[in-house]
Amino acid sequence: MDIESSEWTVLESMYRSGILANVKQFGFEVHIMSKSSTTAELFFQRWKILKRLESFGFRRWYWHFNPSGAYMYENEPRSCCYELVYINTNFMSKNKPNTKR
């Protein structure tokens, strides 16, 4: 899902609708902040929206920053956009692997 900052509204809608119960894997881009300025309050609000995925059984499997939104901050590379992939652990086998041969 790459919907240019609308992901926050869509995630909230997905939480309310319950549609995530049917999703095994979820890949999307998030826009954390603009290159100009984002308040700490907005950053924390967006972090809580992402963190809420865990209450539905999702765990982050992979992430990287999008180089198209890259900039330097205190001599460290940062990005306004990150690519995230989550896996729904509710679909993982509850049984231990069979090690007997």
PDB file of N, CA and C in Angstrom:
ATOM      1  N   MET A   1       0.853  -1.155   0.000  1.00  0.00           N
ATOM      2  CA  MET A   1       0.000   0.000   0.000  1.00  0.00           C
ATOM      3  C   MET A   1       0.905   1.226   0.000  1.00  0.00           C
ATOM      4  N   ASP A   2       0.744   2.045  -0.961  1.00  0.00           N
ATOM      5  CA  ASP A   2       1.520   3.275  -1.071  1.00  0.00           C
ATOM      6  C   ASP A   2       0.540   4.376  -1.458  1.00  0.00           C
ATOM      7  N   ILE A   3      -0.001   5.060  -0.454  1.00  0.00           N
ATOM      8  CA  ILE A   3      -1.086   6.002  -0.721  1.00  0.00           C
ATOM      9  C   ILE A   3      -0.777   7.414  -0.224  1.00  0.00           C
ATOM     10  N   GLU A   4       0.508   7.731  -0.172  1.00  0.00           N
ATOM     11  CA  GLU A   4       0.988   9.102   0.024  1.00  0.00           C
ATOM     12  C   GLU A   4       0.338   9.853   1.187  1.00  0.00           C
ATOM     13  N   SER A   5       0.618   9.389   2.375  1.00  0.00           N
ATOM     14  CA  SER A   5       0.188  10.000   3.641  1.00  0.00           C
ATOM     15  C   SER A   5      -1.254   9.697   4.034  1.00  0.00           C
ATOM     16  N   SER A   6      -2.006   9.027   3.189  1.00  0.00           N
ATOM     17  CA  SER A   6      -3.369   8.632   3.564  1.00  0.00           C
ATOM     18  C   SER A   6      -3.371   7.339   4.367  1.00  0.00           C
ATOM     19  N   GLU A   7      -2.204   6.727   4.537  1.00  0.00           N
ATOM     20  CA  GLU A   7      -2.118   5.452   5.252  1.00  0.00           C
ATOM     21  C   GLU A   7      -2.626   5.566   6.687  1.00  0.00           C
ATOM     22  N   TRP A   8      -2.467   6.728   7.297  1.00  0.00           N
ATOM     23  CA  TRP A   8      -2.887   6.885   8.698  1.00  0.00           C
ATOM     24  C   TRP A   8      -4.406   6.792   8.821  1.00  0.00           C
ATOM     25  N   THR A   9      -5.115   7.428   7.923  1.00  0.00           N
ATOM     26  CA  THR A   9      -6.575   7.362   7.917  1.00  0.00           C
ATOM     27  C   THR A   9      -7.047   5.960   7.559  1.00  0.00           C
ATOM     28  N   VAL A  10      -6.390   5.341   6.589  1.00  0.00           N
ATOM     29  CA  VAL A  10      -6.777   4.002   6.150  1.00  0.00           C
ATOM     30  C   VAL A  10      -6.521   2.978   7.259  1.00  0.00           C
ATOM     31  N   LEU A  11      -5.401   3.080   7.946  1.00  0.00           N
ATOM     32  CA  LEU A  11      -5.125   2.155   9.054  1.00  0.00           C
ATOM     33  C   LEU A  11      -6.205   2.266  10.128  1.00  0.00           C
ATOM     34  N   GLU A  12      -6.557   3.480  10.496  1.00  0.00           N
ATOM     35  CA  GLU A  12      -7.615   3.668  11.500  1.00  0.00           C
ATOM     36  C   GLU A  12      -8.925   3.041  11.024  1.00  0.00           C
ATOM     37  N   SER A  13      -9.237   3.207   9.757  1.00  0.00           N
ATOM     38  CA  SER A  13     -10.455   2.623   9.192  1.00  0.00           C
ATOM     39  C   SER A  13     -10.392   1.098   9.208  1.00  0.00           C
ATOM     40  N   MET A  14      -9.221   0.546   8.924  1.00  0.00           N
ATOM     41  CA  MET A  14      -9.042  -0.911   8.945  1.00  0.00           C
ATOM     42  C   MET A  14      -9.219  -1.452  10.358  1.00  0.00           C
ATOM     43  N   TYR A  15      -8.729  -0.723  11.345  1.00  0.00           N
ATOM     44  CA  TYR A  15      -8.905  -1.147  12.736  1.00  0.00           C
ATOM     45  C   TYR A  15     -10.389  -1.215  13.081  1.00  0.00           C
ATOM     46  N   ARG A  16     -11.122  -0.167  12.726  1.00  0.00           N
ATOM     47  CA  ARG A  16     -12.555  -0.101  13.059  1.00  0.00           C
ATOM     48  C   ARG A  16     -13.366  -1.178  12.339  1.00  0.00           C
ATOM     49  N   SER A  17     -13.007  -1.473  11.090  1.00  0.00           N
ATOM     50  CA  SER A  17     -13.807  -2.405  10.289  1.00  0.00           C
ATOM     51  C   SER A  17     -13.556  -3.867  10.638  1.00  0.00           C
ATOM     52  N   GLY A  18     -12.395  -4.171  11.221  1.00  0.00           N
ATOM     53  CA  GLY A  18     -12.057  -5.556  11.535  1.00  0.00           C
ATOM     54  C   GLY A  18     -11.477  -6.328  10.358  1.00  0.00           C
ATOM     55  N   ILE A  19     -11.250  -5.664   9.245  1.00  0.00           N
ATOM     56  CA  ILE A  19     -10.752  -6.318   8.033  1.00  0.00           C
ATOM     57  C   ILE A  19      -9.379  -6.977   8.249  1.00  0.00           C
ATOM     58  N   LEU A  20      -8.605  -6.489   9.194  1.00  0.00           N
ATOM     59  CA  LEU A  20      -7.260  -7.029   9.408  1.00  0.00           C
ATOM     60  C   LEU A  20      -7.271  -8.476   9.871  1.00  0.00           C
ATOM     61  N   ALA A  21      -8.387  -8.954  10.379  1.00  0.00           N
ATOM     62  CA  ALA A  21      -8.483 -10.353  10.803  1.00  0.00           C
ATOM     63  C   ALA A  21      -8.291 -11.298   9.622  1.00  0.00           C
ATOM     64  N   ASN A  22      -8.506 -10.816   8.406  1.00  0.00           N
ATOM     65  CA  ASN A  22      -8.381 -11.633   7.197  1.00  0.00           C
ATOM     66  C   ASN A  22      -7.059 -11.436   6.470  1.00  0.00           C
ATOM     67  N   VAL A  23      -6.173 -10.609   7.003  1.00  0.00           N
ATOM     68  CA  VAL A  23      -4.923 -10.255   6.327  1.00  0.00           C
ATOM     69  C   VAL A  23      -3.771 -11.044   6.930  1.00  0.00           C
ATOM     70  N   LYS A  24      -3.026 -11.756   6.077  1.00  0.00           N
ATOM     71  CA  LYS A  24      -1.880 -12.545   6.544  1.00  0.00           C
ATOM     72  C   LYS A  24      -0.591 -11.728   6.539  1.00  0.00           C
ATOM     73  N   GLN A  25      -0.400 -10.946   5.492  1.00  0.00           N
ATOM     74  CA  GLN A  25       0.789 -10.116   5.356  1.00  0.00           C
ATOM     75  C   GLN A  25       0.347  -8.730   4.927  1.00  0.00           C
ATOM     76  N   PHE A  26       1.096  -7.737   5.368  1.00  0.00           N
ATOM     77  CA  PHE A  26       0.687  -6.373   5.088  1.00  0.00           C
ATOM     78  C   PHE A  26       1.936  -5.541   4.840  1.00  0.00           C
ATOM     79  N   GLY A  27       2.100  -5.069   3.626  1.00  0.00           N
ATOM     80  CA  GLY A  27       3.224  -4.223   3.267  1.00  0.00           C
ATOM     81  C   GLY A  27       2.731  -2.840   2.901  1.00  0.00           C
ATOM     82  N   PHE A  28       3.387  -1.822   3.443  1.00  0.00           N
ATOM     83  CA  PHE A  28       2.949  -0.463   3.161  1.00  0.00           C
ATOM     84  C   PHE A  28       4.069   0.533   3.425  1.00  0.00           C
ATOM     85  N   GLU A  29       3.887   1.707   2.863  1.00  0.00           N
ATOM     86  CA  GLU A  29       4.812   2.815   3.081  1.00  0.00           C
ATOM     87  C   GLU A  29       4.152   3.784   4.045  1.00  0.00           C
ATOM     88  N   VAL A  30       4.915   4.255   5.009  1.00  0.00           N
ATOM     89  CA  VAL A  30       4.410   5.280   5.915  1.00  0.00           C
ATOM     90  C   VAL A  30       5.207   6.555   5.731  1.00  0.00           C
ATOM     91  N   HIS A  31       4.511   7.646   5.871  1.00  0.00           N
ATOM     92  CA  HIS A  31       5.132   8.969   5.849  1.00  0.00           C
ATOM     93  C   HIS A  31       5.141   9.460   7.287  1.00  0.00           C
ATOM     94  N   ILE A  32       6.301   9.383   7.889  1.00  0.00           N
ATOM     95  CA  ILE A  32       6.428   9.706   9.306  1.00  0.00           C
ATOM     96  C   ILE A  32       6.404  11.207   9.534  1.00  0.00           C
ATOM     97  N   MET A  33       7.152  11.924   8.750  1.00  0.00           N
ATOM     98  CA  MET A  33       7.236  13.366   8.935  1.00  0.00           C
ATOM     99  C   MET A  33       7.581  14.022   7.616  1.00  0.00           C
ATOM    100  N   SER A  34       7.314  15.272   7.543  1.00  0.00           N
ATOM    101  CA  SER A  34       7.694  16.010   6.345  1.00  0.00           C
ATOM    102  C   SER A  34       9.118  16.513   6.522  1.00  0.00           C
ATOM    103  N   LYS A  35       9.736  16.892   5.427  1.00  0.00           N
ATOM    104  CA  LYS A  35      11.093  17.428   5.516  1.00  0.00           C
ATOM    105  C   LYS A  35      11.092  18.770   6.222  1.00  0.00           C
ATOM    106  N   SER A  36       9.955  19.444   6.215  1.00  0.00           N
ATOM    107  CA  SER A  36       9.890  20.747   6.875  1.00  0.00           C
ATOM    108  C   SER A  36       9.802  20.548   8.389  1.00  0.00           C
ATOM    109  N   SER A  37       8.611  20.220   8.873  1.00  0.00           N
ATOM    110  CA  SER A  37       8.502  20.009  10.320  1.00  0.00           C
ATOM    111  C   SER A  37       7.288  19.143  10.641  1.00  0.00           C
ATOM    112  N   THR A  38       7.456  18.346  11.637  1.00  0.00           N
ATOM    113  CA  THR A  38       6.372  17.549  12.191  1.00  0.00           C
ATOM    114  C   THR A  38       6.495  17.662  13.703  1.00  0.00           C
ATOM    115  N   THR A  39       5.402  17.898  14.361  1.00  0.00           N
ATOM    116  CA  THR A  39       5.457  18.064  15.804  1.00  0.00           C
ATOM    117  C   THR A  39       5.692  16.718  16.482  1.00  0.00           C
ATOM    118  N   ALA A  40       6.211  16.781  17.680  1.00  0.00           N
ATOM    119  CA  ALA A  40       6.426  15.569  18.461  1.00  0.00           C
ATOM    120  C   ALA A  40       5.088  14.887  18.737  1.00  0.00           C
ATOM    121  N   GLU A  41       4.050  15.680  18.920  1.00  0.00           N
ATOM    122  CA  GLU A  41       2.718  15.129  19.192  1.00  0.00           C
ATOM    123  C   GLU A  41       2.218  14.306  17.996  1.00  0.00           C
ATOM    124  N   LEU A  42       2.389  14.828  16.785  1.00  0.00           N
ATOM    125  CA  LEU A  42       1.967  14.101  15.583  1.00  0.00           C
ATOM    126  C   LEU A  42       2.804  12.838  15.394  1.00  0.00           C
ATOM    127  N   PHE A  43       4.104  12.939  15.638  1.00  0.00           N
ATOM    128  CA  PHE A  43       4.987  11.776  15.527  1.00  0.00           C
ATOM    129  C   PHE A  43       4.533  10.675  16.489  1.00  0.00           C
ATOM    130  N   PHE A  44       4.252  11.038  17.737  1.00  0.00           N
ATOM    131  CA  PHE A  44       3.813  10.070  18.740  1.00  0.00           C
ATOM    132  C   PHE A  44       2.462   9.471  18.364  1.00  0.00           C
ATOM    133  N   GLN A  45       1.556  10.282  17.849  1.00  0.00           N
ATOM    134  CA  GLN A  45       0.237   9.799  17.417  1.00  0.00           C
ATOM    135  C   GLN A  45       0.398   8.753  16.314  1.00  0.00           C
ATOM    136  N   ARG A  46       1.278   9.003  15.357  1.00  0.00           N
ATOM    137  CA  ARG A  46       1.500   8.048  14.264  1.00  0.00           C
ATOM    138  C   ARG A  46       2.168   6.779  14.775  1.00  0.00           C
ATOM    139  N   TRP A  47       3.074   6.917  15.722  1.00  0.00           N
ATOM    140  CA  TRP A  47       3.716   5.743  16.312  1.00  0.00           C
ATOM    141  C   TRP A  47       2.670   4.863  16.989  1.00  0.00           C
ATOM    142  N   LYS A  48       1.713   5.462  17.701  1.00  0.00           N
ATOM    143  CA  LYS A  48       0.666   4.696  18.368  1.00  0.00           C
ATOM    144  C   LYS A  48      -0.224   3.977  17.351  1.00  0.00           C
ATOM    145  N   ILE A  49      -0.479   4.601  16.226  1.00  0.00           N
ATOM    146  CA  ILE A  49      -1.282   3.952  15.181  1.00  0.00           C
ATOM    147  C   ILE A  49      -0.558   2.708  14.677  1.00  0.00           C
ATOM    148  N   LEU A  50       0.746   2.814  14.443  1.00  0.00           N
ATOM    149  CA  LEU A  50       1.525   1.643  14.007  1.00  0.00           C
ATOM    150  C   LEU A  50       1.580   0.582  15.098  1.00  0.00           C
ATOM    151  N   LYS A  51       1.829   1.003  16.312  1.00  0.00           N
ATOM    152  CA  LYS A  51       1.944   0.072  17.433  1.00  0.00           C
ATOM    153  C   LYS A  51       0.655  -0.731  17.620  1.00  0.00           C
ATOM    154  N   ARG A  52      -0.458  -0.141  17.269  1.00  0.00           N
ATOM    155  CA  ARG A  52      -1.753  -0.805  17.437  1.00  0.00           C
ATOM    156  C   ARG A  52      -1.871  -2.062  16.581  1.00  0.00           C
ATOM    157  N   LEU A  53      -1.087  -2.162  15.502  1.00  0.00           N
ATOM    158  CA  LEU A  53      -1.095  -3.375  14.683  1.00  0.00           C
ATOM    159  C   LEU A  53      -0.802  -4.611  15.529  1.00  0.00           C
ATOM    160  N   GLU A  54       0.024  -4.446  16.546  1.00  0.00           N
ATOM    161  CA  GLU A  54       0.394  -5.577  17.398  1.00  0.00           C
ATOM    162  C   GLU A  54      -0.820  -6.140  18.144  1.00  0.00           C
ATOM    163  N   SER A  55      -1.783  -5.310  18.469  1.00  0.00           N
ATOM    164  CA  SER A  55      -2.966  -5.796  19.179  1.00  0.00           C
ATOM    165  C   SER A  55      -3.828  -6.685  18.280  1.00  0.00           C
ATOM    166  N   PHE A  56      -3.582  -6.647  16.973  1.00  0.00           N
ATOM    167  CA  PHE A  56      -4.295  -7.506  16.026  1.00  0.00           C
ATOM    168  C   PHE A  56      -3.461  -8.740  15.653  1.00  0.00           C
ATOM    169  N   GLY A  57      -2.298  -8.910  16.313  1.00  0.00           N
ATOM    170  CA  GLY A  57      -1.464 -10.077  16.072  1.00  0.00           C
ATOM    171  C   GLY A  57      -0.357  -9.867  15.061  1.00  0.00           C
ATOM    172  N   PHE A  58      -0.195  -8.657  14.567  1.00  0.00           N
ATOM    173  CA  PHE A  58       0.844  -8.386  13.577  1.00  0.00           C
ATOM    174  C   PHE A  58       2.186  -8.121  14.252  1.00  0.00           C
ATOM    175  N   ARG A  59       3.235  -8.602  13.597  1.00  0.00           N
ATOM    176  CA  ARG A  59       4.604  -8.318  14.032  1.00  0.00           C
ATOM    177  C   ARG A  59       5.386  -7.814  12.824  1.00  0.00           C
ATOM    178  N   ARG A  60       6.215  -6.806  13.076  1.00  0.00           N
ATOM    179  CA  ARG A  60       7.022  -6.261  11.979  1.00  0.00           C
ATOM    180  C   ARG A  60       8.049  -7.295  11.560  1.00  0.00           C
ATOM    181  N   TRP A  61       8.090  -7.590  10.276  1.00  0.00           N
ATOM    182  CA  TRP A  61       8.994  -8.584   9.730  1.00  0.00           C
ATOM    183  C   TRP A  61      10.180  -7.927   9.030  1.00  0.00           C
ATOM    184  N   TYR A  62       9.922  -6.793   8.385  1.00  0.00           N
ATOM    185  CA  TYR A  62      10.971  -6.134   7.616  1.00  0.00           C
ATOM    186  C   TYR A  62      10.656  -4.645   7.508  1.00  0.00           C
ATOM    187  N   TRP A  63      11.690  -3.828   7.428  1.00  0.00           N
ATOM    188  CA  TRP A  63      11.511  -2.405   7.173  1.00  0.00           C
ATOM    189  C   TRP A  63      12.779  -1.848   6.549  1.00  0.00           C
ATOM    190  N   HIS A  64      12.634  -0.778   5.826  1.00  0.00           N
ATOM    191  CA  HIS A  64      13.769   0.024   5.350  1.00  0.00           C
ATOM    192  C   HIS A  64      13.262   1.423   5.015  1.00  0.00           C
ATOM    193  N   PHE A  65      14.201   2.375   5.042  1.00  0.00           N
ATOM    194  CA  PHE A  65      13.736   3.709   4.687  1.00  0.00           C
ATOM    195  C   PHE A  65      13.767   3.871   3.182  1.00  0.00           C
ATOM    196  N   ASN A  66      12.847   4.667   2.715  1.00  0.00           N
ATOM    197  CA  ASN A  66      12.719   4.930   1.295  1.00  0.00           C
ATOM    198  C   ASN A  66      13.743   5.991   0.909  1.00  0.00           C
ATOM    199  N   PRO A  67      14.698   5.644   0.051  1.00  0.00           N
ATOM    200  CA  PRO A  67      15.741   6.610  -0.295  1.00  0.00           C
ATOM    201  C   PRO A  67      15.216   7.839  -1.037  1.00  0.00           C
ATOM    202  N   SER A  68      14.038   7.750  -1.605  1.00  0.00           N
ATOM    203  CA  SER A  68      13.472   8.915  -2.303  1.00  0.00           C
ATOM    204  C   SER A  68      13.171  10.059  -1.340  1.00  0.00           C
ATOM    205  N   GLY A  69      12.933   9.725  -0.079  1.00  0.00           N
ATOM    206  CA  GLY A  69      12.640  10.759   0.914  1.00  0.00           C
ATOM    207  C   GLY A  69      13.809  11.010   1.845  1.00  0.00           C
ATOM    208  N   ALA A  70      15.001  10.584   1.447  1.00  0.00           N
ATOM    209  CA  ALA A  70      16.169  10.644   2.329  1.00  0.00           C
ATOM    210  C   ALA A  70      16.690  12.070   2.522  1.00  0.00           C
ATOM    211  N   TYR A  71      17.176  12.297   3.713  1.00  0.00           N
ATOM    212  CA  TYR A  71      17.843  13.553   4.052  1.00  0.00           C
ATOM    213  C   TYR A  71      18.796  13.252   5.207  1.00  0.00           C
ATOM    214  N   MET A  72      19.687  14.170   5.499  1.00  0.00           N
ATOM    215  CA  MET A  72      20.640  13.987   6.592  1.00  0.00           C
ATOM    216  C   MET A  72      20.177  14.785   7.809  1.00  0.00           C
ATOM    217  N   TYR A  73      20.300  14.164   8.969  1.00  0.00           N
ATOM    218  CA  TYR A  73      19.986  14.830  10.227  1.00  0.00           C
ATOM    219  C   TYR A  73      21.071  14.477  11.218  1.00  0.00           C
ATOM    220  N   GLU A  74      21.782  15.486  11.685  1.00  0.00           N
ATOM    221  CA  GLU A  74      22.909  15.291  12.601  1.00  0.00           C
ATOM    222  C   GLU A  74      23.863  14.227  12.070  1.00  0.00           C
ATOM    223  N   ASN A  75      24.198  14.360  10.795  1.00  0.00           N
ATOM    224  CA  ASN A  75      25.135  13.475  10.092  1.00  0.00           C
ATOM    225  C   ASN A  75      24.677  12.026   9.996  1.00  0.00           C
ATOM    226  N   GLU A  76      23.396  11.795  10.133  1.00  0.00           N
ATOM    227  CA  GLU A  76      22.827  10.455  10.007  1.00  0.00           C
ATOM    228  C   GLU A  76      21.761  10.474   8.914  1.00  0.00           C
ATOM    229  N   PRO A  77      21.726   9.421   8.091  1.00  0.00           N
ATOM    230  CA  PRO A  77      20.670   9.377   7.066  1.00  0.00           C
ATOM    231  C   PRO A  77      19.304   9.119   7.695  1.00  0.00           C
ATOM    232  N   ARG A  78      18.336   9.866   7.269  1.00  0.00           N
ATOM    233  CA  ARG A  78      16.951   9.718   7.712  1.00  0.00           C
ATOM    234  C   ARG A  78      16.073   9.741   6.471  1.00  0.00           C
ATOM    235  N   SER A  79      14.817   9.416   6.659  1.00  0.00           N
ATOM    236  CA  SER A  79      13.865   9.492   5.563  1.00  0.00           C
ATOM    237  C   SER A  79      12.510   9.899   6.107  1.00  0.00           C
ATOM    238  N   CYS A  80      11.756  10.571   5.277  1.00  0.00           N
ATOM    239  CA  CYS A  80      10.388  10.921   5.683  1.00  0.00           C
ATOM    240  C   CYS A  80       9.451   9.745   5.422  1.00  0.00           C
ATOM    241  N   CYS A  81       9.941   8.736   4.680  1.00  0.00           N
ATOM    242  CA  CYS A  81       9.099   7.604   4.284  1.00  0.00           C
ATOM    243  C   CYS A  81       9.809   6.284   4.600  1.00  0.00           C
ATOM    244  N   TYR A  82       9.050   5.343   5.126  1.00  0.00           N
ATOM    245  CA  TYR A  82       9.595   4.023   5.437  1.00  0.00           C
ATOM    246  C   TYR A  82       8.699   2.948   4.844  1.00  0.00           C
ATOM    247  N   GLU A  83       9.317   1.898   4.344  1.00  0.00           N
ATOM    248  CA  GLU A  83       8.600   0.738   3.817  1.00  0.00           C
ATOM    249  C   GLU A  83       8.550  -0.302   4.935  1.00  0.00           C
ATOM    250  N   LEU A  84       7.369  -0.783   5.269  1.00  0.00           N
ATOM    251  CA  LEU A  84       7.188  -1.733   6.360  1.00  0.00           C
ATOM    252  C   LEU A  84       6.453  -2.971   5.868  1.00  0.00           C
ATOM    253  N   VAL A  85       6.837  -4.126   6.408  1.00  0.00           N
ATOM    254  CA  VAL A  85       6.117  -5.364   6.133  1.00  0.00           C
ATOM    255  C   VAL A  85       5.810  -6.022   7.472  1.00  0.00           C
ATOM    256  N   TYR A  86       4.533  -6.314   7.678  1.00  0.00           N
ATOM    257  CA  TYR A  86       4.076  -6.975   8.890  1.00  0.00           C
ATOM    258  C   TYR A  86       3.485  -8.330   8.531  1.00  0.00           C
ATOM    259  N   ILE A  87       3.616  -9.277   9.462  1.00  0.00           N
ATOM    260  CA  ILE A  87       3.042 -10.615   9.303  1.00  0.00           C
ATOM    261  C   ILE A  87       2.069 -10.841  10.452  1.00  0.00           C
ATOM    262  N   ASN A  88       0.910 -11.380  10.119  1.00  0.00           N
ATOM    263  CA  ASN A  88      -0.112 -11.660  11.112  1.00  0.00           C
ATOM    264  C   ASN A  88       0.194 -13.012  11.763  1.00  0.00           C
ATOM    265  N   THR A  89       0.594 -12.983  13.025  1.00  0.00           N
ATOM    266  CA  THR A  89       0.976 -14.213  13.728  1.00  0.00           C
ATOM    267  C   THR A  89      -0.218 -15.111  14.022  1.00  0.00           C
ATOM    268  N   ASN A  90      -1.423 -14.591  13.876  1.00  0.00           N
ATOM    269  CA  ASN A  90      -2.620 -15.419  14.086  1.00  0.00           C
ATOM    270  C   ASN A  90      -2.727 -16.529  13.043  1.00  0.00           C
ATOM    271  N   PHE A  91      -2.022 -16.383  11.924  1.00  0.00           N
ATOM    272  CA  PHE A  91      -2.063 -17.391  10.873  1.00  0.00           C
ATOM    273  C   PHE A  91      -0.897 -18.374  10.970  1.00  0.00           C
ATOM    274  N   MET A  92      -0.027 -18.191  11.950  1.00  0.00           N
ATOM    275  CA  MET A  92       1.110 -19.085  12.109  1.00  0.00           C
ATOM    276  C   MET A  92       0.672 -20.340  12.842  1.00  0.00           C
ATOM    277  N   SER A  93       1.300 -21.447  12.510  1.00  0.00           N
ATOM    278  CA  SER A  93       0.959 -22.727  13.118  1.00  0.00           C
ATOM    279  C   SER A  93       1.207 -22.680  14.620  1.00  0.00           C
ATOM    280  N   LYS A  94       0.257 -23.157  15.363  1.00  0.00           N
ATOM    281  CA  LYS A  94       0.388 -23.227  16.827  1.00  0.00           C
ATOM    282  C   LYS A  94       1.150 -24.482  17.252  1.00  0.00           C
ATOM    283  N   ASN A  95       1.336 -25.418  16.304  1.00  0.00           N
ATOM    284  CA  ASN A  95       2.017 -26.675  16.619  1.00  0.00           C
ATOM    285  C   ASN A  95       3.521 -26.524  16.477  1.00  0.00           C
ATOM    286  N   LYS A  96       4.228 -27.214  17.320  1.00  0.00           N
ATOM    287  CA  LYS A  96       5.683 -27.228  17.209  1.00  0.00           C
ATOM    288  C   LYS A  96       6.078 -28.092  16.016  1.00  0.00           C
ATOM    289  N   PRO A  97       7.196 -27.781  15.382  1.00  0.00           N
ATOM    290  CA  PRO A  97       7.637 -28.600  14.255  1.00  0.00           C
ATOM    291  C   PRO A  97       7.906 -30.038  14.691  1.00  0.00           C
ATOM    292  N   ASN A  98       7.593 -30.970  13.842  1.00  0.00           N
ATOM    293  CA  ASN A  98       7.833 -32.378  14.116  1.00  0.00           C
ATOM    294  C   ASN A  98       9.317 -32.679  13.877  1.00  0.00           C
ATOM    295  N   THR A  99      10.039 -32.975  14.960  1.00  0.00           N
ATOM    296  CA  THR A  99      11.470 -33.244  14.840  1.00  0.00           C
ATOM    297  C   THR A  99      11.782 -34.734  14.800  1.00  0.00           C
ATOM    298  N   LYS A 100      10.747 -35.580  15.015  1.00  0.00           N
ATOM    299  CA  LYS A 100      10.956 -37.022  14.973  1.00  0.00           C
ATOM    300  C   LYS A 100      11.005 -37.479  13.527  1.00  0.00           C
ATOM    301  N   ARG A 101      11.872 -38.443  13.268  1.00  0.00           N
ATOM    302  CA  ARG A 101      11.987 -38.958  11.888  1.00  0.00           C
ATOM    303  C   ARG A 101      11.713 -40.418  11.841  1.00  0.00           C
TER     304      ARG A 101
END
